[in-house]
N, C-alpha and C. Protein backbone atom coordinates (compact mmCIF):
# COMPACT_ATOMS: atom_id res chain seq x y z
N MET A 1 43.62 -163.07 -138.96
CA MET A 1 45.06 -163.06 -139.02
C MET A 1 45.63 -163.65 -137.74
N THR A 2 46.57 -164.56 -137.87
CA THR A 2 47.21 -165.16 -136.71
C THR A 2 48.55 -164.47 -136.48
N THR A 3 48.78 -164.08 -135.23
CA THR A 3 50.03 -163.43 -134.86
C THR A 3 50.96 -164.45 -134.24
N ARG A 4 52.20 -164.44 -134.68
CA ARG A 4 53.20 -165.33 -134.09
C ARG A 4 53.80 -164.60 -132.89
N PRO A 5 53.58 -165.09 -131.69
CA PRO A 5 54.10 -164.42 -130.50
C PRO A 5 55.62 -164.42 -130.44
N ASP A 6 56.18 -163.38 -129.80
CA ASP A 6 57.62 -163.30 -129.58
C ASP A 6 58.10 -164.39 -128.63
N THR A 7 57.25 -164.78 -127.68
CA THR A 7 57.63 -165.73 -126.63
C THR A 7 56.37 -166.46 -126.15
N ASP A 8 56.55 -167.54 -125.40
CA ASP A 8 55.40 -168.26 -124.87
C ASP A 8 54.69 -167.46 -123.78
N LEU A 9 55.49 -166.88 -122.86
CA LEU A 9 54.91 -166.22 -121.70
C LEU A 9 55.69 -164.97 -121.35
N ILE A 10 54.96 -163.91 -121.04
CA ILE A 10 55.55 -162.70 -120.47
C ILE A 10 55.05 -162.60 -119.04
N VAL A 11 55.97 -162.38 -118.12
CA VAL A 11 55.61 -162.15 -116.72
C VAL A 11 56.02 -160.72 -116.40
N VAL A 12 55.07 -159.94 -115.91
CA VAL A 12 55.35 -158.55 -115.54
C VAL A 12 55.49 -158.48 -114.03
N GLY A 13 56.68 -158.12 -113.57
CA GLY A 13 56.94 -158.01 -112.14
C GLY A 13 57.87 -159.10 -111.65
N ALA A 14 58.98 -158.70 -111.03
CA ALA A 14 59.98 -159.67 -110.57
C ALA A 14 60.08 -159.70 -109.06
N GLY A 15 58.93 -159.72 -108.41
CA GLY A 15 58.87 -159.97 -106.97
C GLY A 15 58.69 -161.46 -106.76
N PRO A 16 58.32 -161.88 -105.56
CA PRO A 16 58.17 -163.31 -105.30
C PRO A 16 57.19 -164.03 -106.23
N ALA A 17 56.04 -163.45 -106.49
CA ALA A 17 55.05 -164.10 -107.34
C ALA A 17 55.51 -164.15 -108.79
N GLY A 18 56.05 -163.04 -109.28
CA GLY A 18 56.51 -163.00 -110.67
C GLY A 18 57.67 -163.94 -110.92
N VAL A 19 58.61 -163.98 -109.99
CA VAL A 19 59.76 -164.88 -110.13
C VAL A 19 59.29 -166.33 -110.07
N ALA A 20 58.36 -166.64 -109.16
CA ALA A 20 57.84 -168.01 -109.08
C ALA A 20 57.19 -168.42 -110.40
N ALA A 21 56.40 -167.53 -110.98
CA ALA A 21 55.74 -167.84 -112.26
C ALA A 21 56.77 -168.02 -113.38
N ALA A 22 57.74 -167.13 -113.44
CA ALA A 22 58.74 -167.20 -114.50
C ALA A 22 59.62 -168.45 -114.37
N VAL A 23 60.03 -168.77 -113.15
CA VAL A 23 60.86 -169.95 -112.93
C VAL A 23 60.08 -171.23 -113.26
N MET A 24 58.83 -171.29 -112.85
CA MET A 24 58.02 -172.47 -113.16
C MET A 24 57.84 -172.62 -114.68
N ALA A 25 57.53 -171.52 -115.35
CA ALA A 25 57.35 -171.58 -116.81
C ALA A 25 58.64 -172.02 -117.51
N ALA A 26 59.76 -171.44 -117.11
CA ALA A 26 61.04 -171.83 -117.71
C ALA A 26 61.36 -173.29 -117.45
N SER A 27 61.05 -173.77 -116.25
CA SER A 27 61.32 -175.17 -115.93
C SER A 27 60.42 -176.12 -116.72
N LEU A 28 59.30 -175.60 -117.20
CA LEU A 28 58.39 -176.38 -118.05
C LEU A 28 58.72 -176.20 -119.54
N HIS A 29 59.89 -175.64 -119.81
CA HIS A 29 60.41 -175.44 -121.17
C HIS A 29 59.61 -174.43 -121.98
N LEU A 30 58.99 -173.47 -121.31
CA LEU A 30 58.33 -172.37 -122.02
C LEU A 30 59.33 -171.23 -122.16
N SER A 31 59.39 -170.64 -123.33
CA SER A 31 60.24 -169.45 -123.47
C SER A 31 59.53 -168.33 -122.71
N THR A 32 60.25 -167.72 -121.78
CA THR A 32 59.65 -166.79 -120.83
C THR A 32 60.42 -165.49 -120.80
N LEU A 33 59.67 -164.39 -120.84
CA LEU A 33 60.25 -163.06 -120.72
C LEU A 33 59.75 -162.45 -119.42
N LEU A 34 60.66 -162.09 -118.55
CA LEU A 34 60.33 -161.47 -117.27
C LEU A 34 60.62 -159.98 -117.40
N VAL A 35 59.60 -159.15 -117.22
CA VAL A 35 59.73 -157.70 -117.38
C VAL A 35 59.65 -157.05 -116.00
N GLU A 36 60.68 -156.29 -115.67
CA GLU A 36 60.73 -155.62 -114.37
C GLU A 36 61.24 -154.21 -114.58
N ALA A 37 60.56 -153.24 -113.97
CA ALA A 37 60.92 -151.83 -114.14
C ALA A 37 62.20 -151.46 -113.42
N THR A 38 62.48 -152.09 -112.29
CA THR A 38 63.66 -151.69 -111.52
C THR A 38 64.62 -152.87 -111.38
N ALA A 39 64.56 -153.58 -110.28
CA ALA A 39 65.46 -154.71 -110.03
C ALA A 39 64.66 -155.88 -109.46
N ILE A 40 65.19 -157.06 -109.61
CA ILE A 40 64.53 -158.25 -109.08
C ILE A 40 64.35 -158.08 -107.58
N GLY A 41 63.11 -158.24 -107.13
CA GLY A 41 62.82 -158.15 -105.70
C GLY A 41 63.03 -156.78 -105.11
N SER A 42 62.97 -155.74 -105.92
CA SER A 42 63.32 -154.40 -105.44
C SER A 42 62.47 -153.93 -104.26
N LYS A 43 61.19 -154.26 -104.25
CA LYS A 43 60.34 -153.85 -103.12
C LYS A 43 60.71 -154.58 -101.83
N LEU A 44 61.30 -155.75 -101.96
CA LEU A 44 61.69 -156.54 -100.79
C LEU A 44 62.84 -155.91 -100.01
N THR A 45 63.66 -155.15 -100.68
CA THR A 45 64.85 -154.61 -100.02
C THR A 45 64.50 -153.65 -98.88
N ALA A 46 63.26 -153.15 -98.87
CA ALA A 46 62.84 -152.24 -97.79
C ALA A 46 62.22 -152.98 -96.61
N ILE A 47 62.12 -154.30 -96.70
CA ILE A 47 61.47 -155.08 -95.64
C ILE A 47 62.55 -155.66 -94.73
N GLY A 48 62.56 -155.19 -93.51
CA GLY A 48 63.58 -155.62 -92.57
C GLY A 48 63.37 -157.00 -91.98
N ALA A 49 62.11 -157.40 -91.82
CA ALA A 49 61.83 -158.70 -91.19
C ALA A 49 60.68 -159.38 -91.92
N LEU A 50 60.82 -160.67 -92.10
CA LEU A 50 59.78 -161.49 -92.73
C LEU A 50 59.45 -162.65 -91.81
N ASN A 51 58.19 -163.02 -91.78
CA ASN A 51 57.84 -164.25 -91.06
C ASN A 51 56.66 -164.95 -91.71
N ASN A 52 56.31 -164.53 -92.93
CA ASN A 52 55.12 -165.12 -93.56
C ASN A 52 55.38 -165.58 -94.98
N VAL A 53 56.62 -165.95 -95.31
CA VAL A 53 56.90 -166.42 -96.67
C VAL A 53 57.54 -167.80 -96.62
N PRO A 54 57.30 -168.61 -97.64
CA PRO A 54 57.94 -169.93 -97.69
C PRO A 54 59.45 -169.80 -97.81
N GLY A 55 60.16 -170.77 -97.31
CA GLY A 55 61.60 -170.81 -97.46
C GLY A 55 62.37 -170.32 -96.25
N ALA A 56 61.70 -169.96 -95.20
CA ALA A 56 62.34 -169.53 -93.95
C ALA A 56 63.20 -168.29 -94.11
N TRP A 57 62.86 -167.44 -95.05
CA TRP A 57 63.58 -166.18 -95.20
C TRP A 57 63.18 -165.27 -94.06
N THR A 58 64.15 -164.60 -93.48
CA THR A 58 63.86 -163.75 -92.33
C THR A 58 63.92 -162.26 -92.64
N ASN A 59 64.42 -161.90 -93.84
CA ASN A 59 64.42 -160.48 -94.21
C ASN A 59 64.30 -160.32 -95.71
N GLY A 60 63.84 -159.17 -96.11
CA GLY A 60 63.59 -158.90 -97.52
C GLY A 60 64.82 -158.93 -98.41
N PRO A 61 65.92 -158.29 -98.01
CA PRO A 61 67.10 -158.32 -98.86
C PRO A 61 67.63 -159.73 -99.16
N ASP A 62 67.58 -160.63 -98.17
CA ASP A 62 68.02 -162.00 -98.42
C ASP A 62 67.10 -162.71 -99.40
N LEU A 63 65.79 -162.49 -99.26
CA LEU A 63 64.85 -163.10 -100.20
C LEU A 63 65.04 -162.52 -101.60
N ALA A 64 65.27 -161.22 -101.72
CA ALA A 64 65.51 -160.60 -103.03
C ALA A 64 66.76 -161.20 -103.69
N ALA A 65 67.80 -161.43 -102.90
CA ALA A 65 69.02 -162.03 -103.44
C ALA A 65 68.78 -163.46 -103.91
N ALA A 66 67.96 -164.20 -103.19
CA ALA A 66 67.63 -165.57 -103.59
C ALA A 66 66.83 -165.58 -104.89
N LEU A 67 65.90 -164.63 -105.02
CA LEU A 67 65.13 -164.53 -106.26
C LEU A 67 66.05 -164.23 -107.44
N GLU A 68 67.00 -163.35 -107.23
CA GLU A 68 67.94 -163.00 -108.30
C GLU A 68 68.77 -164.22 -108.70
N ARG A 69 69.19 -165.02 -107.72
CA ARG A 69 69.95 -166.24 -108.04
C ARG A 69 69.10 -167.21 -108.87
N ASP A 70 67.82 -167.34 -108.53
CA ASP A 70 66.93 -168.23 -109.30
C ASP A 70 66.81 -167.75 -110.74
N ILE A 71 66.64 -166.44 -110.93
CA ILE A 71 66.51 -165.91 -112.29
C ILE A 71 67.79 -166.13 -113.07
N THR A 72 68.94 -165.86 -112.45
CA THR A 72 70.23 -166.05 -113.12
C THR A 72 70.40 -167.50 -113.57
N ARG A 73 70.05 -168.42 -112.70
CA ARG A 73 70.18 -169.84 -113.03
C ARG A 73 69.33 -170.21 -114.24
N HIS A 74 68.11 -169.70 -114.31
CA HIS A 74 67.23 -170.04 -115.43
C HIS A 74 67.56 -169.25 -116.69
N GLN A 75 68.19 -168.10 -116.56
CA GLN A 75 68.66 -167.39 -117.74
C GLN A 75 69.75 -168.20 -118.43
N GLN A 76 70.57 -168.88 -117.65
CA GLN A 76 71.67 -169.65 -118.21
C GLN A 76 71.20 -170.82 -119.06
N ASN A 77 69.99 -171.33 -118.79
CA ASN A 77 69.51 -172.44 -119.61
C ASN A 77 68.82 -171.96 -120.89
N GLY A 78 68.73 -170.64 -121.07
CA GLY A 78 68.24 -170.08 -122.32
C GLY A 78 66.74 -169.96 -122.47
N ARG A 79 65.98 -170.35 -121.45
CA ARG A 79 64.53 -170.30 -121.57
C ARG A 79 63.91 -169.06 -120.92
N LEU A 80 64.72 -168.32 -120.17
CA LEU A 80 64.21 -167.16 -119.46
C LEU A 80 65.07 -165.95 -119.78
N THR A 81 64.39 -164.85 -120.10
CA THR A 81 65.08 -163.59 -120.39
C THR A 81 64.52 -162.53 -119.46
N LEU A 82 65.41 -161.73 -118.90
CA LEU A 82 65.01 -160.61 -118.05
C LEU A 82 65.15 -159.33 -118.85
N LEU A 83 64.08 -158.54 -118.87
CA LEU A 83 64.08 -157.25 -119.55
C LEU A 83 63.77 -156.17 -118.53
N THR A 84 64.67 -155.22 -118.39
CA THR A 84 64.42 -154.10 -117.50
C THR A 84 63.68 -153.04 -118.29
N ALA A 85 62.40 -152.92 -118.03
CA ALA A 85 61.54 -151.97 -118.74
C ALA A 85 60.27 -151.79 -117.93
N ARG A 86 59.60 -150.67 -118.15
CA ARG A 86 58.37 -150.38 -117.43
C ARG A 86 57.17 -150.72 -118.31
N ALA A 87 56.31 -151.59 -117.78
CA ALA A 87 55.10 -152.00 -118.50
C ALA A 87 54.07 -150.87 -118.46
N HIS A 88 53.34 -150.74 -119.55
CA HIS A 88 52.31 -149.70 -119.63
C HIS A 88 50.91 -150.28 -119.79
N ARG A 89 50.74 -151.23 -120.68
CA ARG A 89 49.39 -151.73 -120.97
C ARG A 89 49.46 -153.19 -121.44
N VAL A 90 48.48 -153.97 -121.02
CA VAL A 90 48.31 -155.34 -121.50
C VAL A 90 47.03 -155.39 -122.31
N THR A 91 47.12 -155.99 -123.49
CA THR A 91 45.95 -156.12 -124.37
C THR A 91 45.82 -157.57 -124.78
N GLY A 92 44.62 -158.13 -124.60
CA GLY A 92 44.38 -159.51 -124.98
C GLY A 92 43.72 -159.62 -126.34
N HIS A 93 44.09 -160.62 -127.10
CA HIS A 93 43.51 -160.93 -128.40
C HIS A 93 43.14 -162.40 -128.43
N ASP A 94 42.47 -162.84 -129.46
CA ASP A 94 42.06 -164.24 -129.55
C ASP A 94 43.25 -165.21 -129.56
N ASP A 95 44.32 -164.83 -130.25
CA ASP A 95 45.43 -165.77 -130.43
C ASP A 95 46.73 -165.34 -129.75
N HIS A 96 46.74 -164.21 -129.05
CA HIS A 96 47.95 -163.75 -128.37
C HIS A 96 47.60 -162.60 -127.43
N ALA A 97 48.58 -162.20 -126.66
CA ALA A 97 48.44 -161.03 -125.79
C ALA A 97 49.60 -160.09 -126.09
N GLU A 98 49.37 -158.81 -125.85
CA GLU A 98 50.41 -157.81 -126.11
C GLU A 98 50.72 -157.03 -124.85
N LEU A 99 51.99 -156.76 -124.65
CA LEU A 99 52.44 -155.89 -123.58
C LEU A 99 53.09 -154.67 -124.22
N THR A 100 52.51 -153.51 -123.95
CA THR A 100 53.10 -152.27 -124.43
C THR A 100 53.93 -151.66 -123.30
N LEU A 101 55.14 -151.30 -123.64
CA LEU A 101 56.05 -150.71 -122.67
C LEU A 101 55.95 -149.19 -122.75
N TYR A 102 56.38 -148.51 -121.70
CA TYR A 102 56.35 -147.05 -121.67
C TYR A 102 57.21 -146.44 -122.77
N ASP A 103 58.22 -147.17 -123.25
CA ASP A 103 59.06 -146.62 -124.31
C ASP A 103 58.46 -146.82 -125.70
N GLY A 104 57.24 -147.38 -125.75
CA GLY A 104 56.54 -147.54 -127.02
C GLY A 104 56.66 -148.91 -127.66
N ARG A 105 57.59 -149.74 -127.22
CA ARG A 105 57.71 -151.09 -127.78
C ARG A 105 56.51 -151.93 -127.40
N THR A 106 56.13 -152.84 -128.28
CA THR A 106 55.06 -153.79 -128.01
C THR A 106 55.63 -155.19 -128.14
N LEU A 107 55.43 -155.99 -127.08
CA LEU A 107 55.89 -157.37 -127.04
C LEU A 107 54.68 -158.28 -127.10
N THR A 108 54.83 -159.43 -127.74
CA THR A 108 53.70 -160.37 -127.84
C THR A 108 54.07 -161.71 -127.22
N ALA A 109 53.04 -162.37 -126.70
CA ALA A 109 53.21 -163.71 -126.13
C ALA A 109 51.89 -164.45 -126.24
N ARG A 110 51.95 -165.75 -126.05
CA ARG A 110 50.69 -166.50 -125.99
C ARG A 110 49.89 -166.07 -124.78
N ASP A 111 50.60 -165.82 -123.66
CA ASP A 111 49.94 -165.43 -122.41
C ASP A 111 50.81 -164.42 -121.67
N ILE A 112 50.15 -163.62 -120.81
CA ILE A 112 50.85 -162.67 -119.97
C ILE A 112 50.33 -162.81 -118.55
N ILE A 113 51.25 -162.83 -117.60
CA ILE A 113 50.91 -162.83 -116.18
C ILE A 113 51.36 -161.49 -115.61
N VAL A 114 50.46 -160.79 -114.96
CA VAL A 114 50.80 -159.54 -114.30
C VAL A 114 50.94 -159.83 -112.81
N ALA A 115 52.15 -159.67 -112.30
CA ALA A 115 52.45 -159.97 -110.90
C ALA A 115 53.19 -158.77 -110.31
N THR A 116 52.54 -157.64 -110.34
CA THR A 116 53.21 -156.41 -109.90
C THR A 116 53.09 -156.17 -108.41
N GLY A 117 52.33 -156.97 -107.72
CA GLY A 117 52.27 -156.89 -106.27
C GLY A 117 51.67 -155.60 -105.76
N VAL A 118 52.17 -155.18 -104.66
CA VAL A 118 51.63 -154.00 -104.00
C VAL A 118 52.76 -153.04 -103.70
N THR A 119 52.40 -151.88 -103.26
CA THR A 119 53.40 -150.91 -102.83
C THR A 119 53.18 -150.61 -101.36
N ALA A 120 54.12 -149.99 -100.76
CA ALA A 120 54.00 -149.67 -99.34
C ALA A 120 52.85 -148.69 -99.11
N LEU A 121 52.06 -148.94 -98.09
CA LEU A 121 50.97 -148.05 -97.75
C LEU A 121 51.49 -146.87 -96.95
N THR A 122 50.86 -145.74 -97.16
CA THR A 122 51.22 -144.55 -96.37
C THR A 122 50.03 -144.22 -95.47
N THR A 123 50.23 -143.31 -94.55
CA THR A 123 49.16 -142.96 -93.60
C THR A 123 47.96 -142.36 -94.29
N THR A 124 48.10 -141.86 -95.49
CA THR A 124 46.94 -141.29 -96.19
C THR A 124 46.19 -142.32 -97.02
N ASP A 125 46.75 -143.52 -97.18
CA ASP A 125 46.11 -144.55 -98.01
C ASP A 125 44.93 -145.22 -97.32
N VAL A 126 45.08 -145.52 -96.05
CA VAL A 126 44.02 -146.21 -95.31
C VAL A 126 43.96 -145.65 -93.90
N PRO A 127 42.77 -145.63 -93.32
CA PRO A 127 42.62 -144.98 -92.01
C PRO A 127 43.27 -145.73 -90.85
N TRP A 128 43.55 -147.02 -90.98
CA TRP A 128 44.03 -147.78 -89.83
C TRP A 128 45.54 -147.70 -89.64
N ILE A 129 46.27 -147.00 -90.52
CA ILE A 129 47.71 -146.86 -90.32
C ILE A 129 47.97 -145.71 -89.39
């Protein structure tokens, strides 16, 4: 049985990597669904200073705002959709991939990119902090 995917690509996570993947896919005329549990670049808002990212961004909130502008621009061309939802599970099949959300919905695409990044480390996570 062949499944007709809902979209060409699902990207999970709207941080720098997820936004880059979604923007590139949309610019290549792929229908793209960007799934983010909170807000675009939400983890960046806690970063006061940056010196290791492309684009000469000097702080996280400014970079998060730039990512949001990129997503808004590509939403307007109709190829990119932002869905605020929490991803639960990715399942691969021969002809499609499925993303199950915590609310029970299942979305399908030809491909899924998981770009959820990392979270802030605490003193109990690793001994060198």
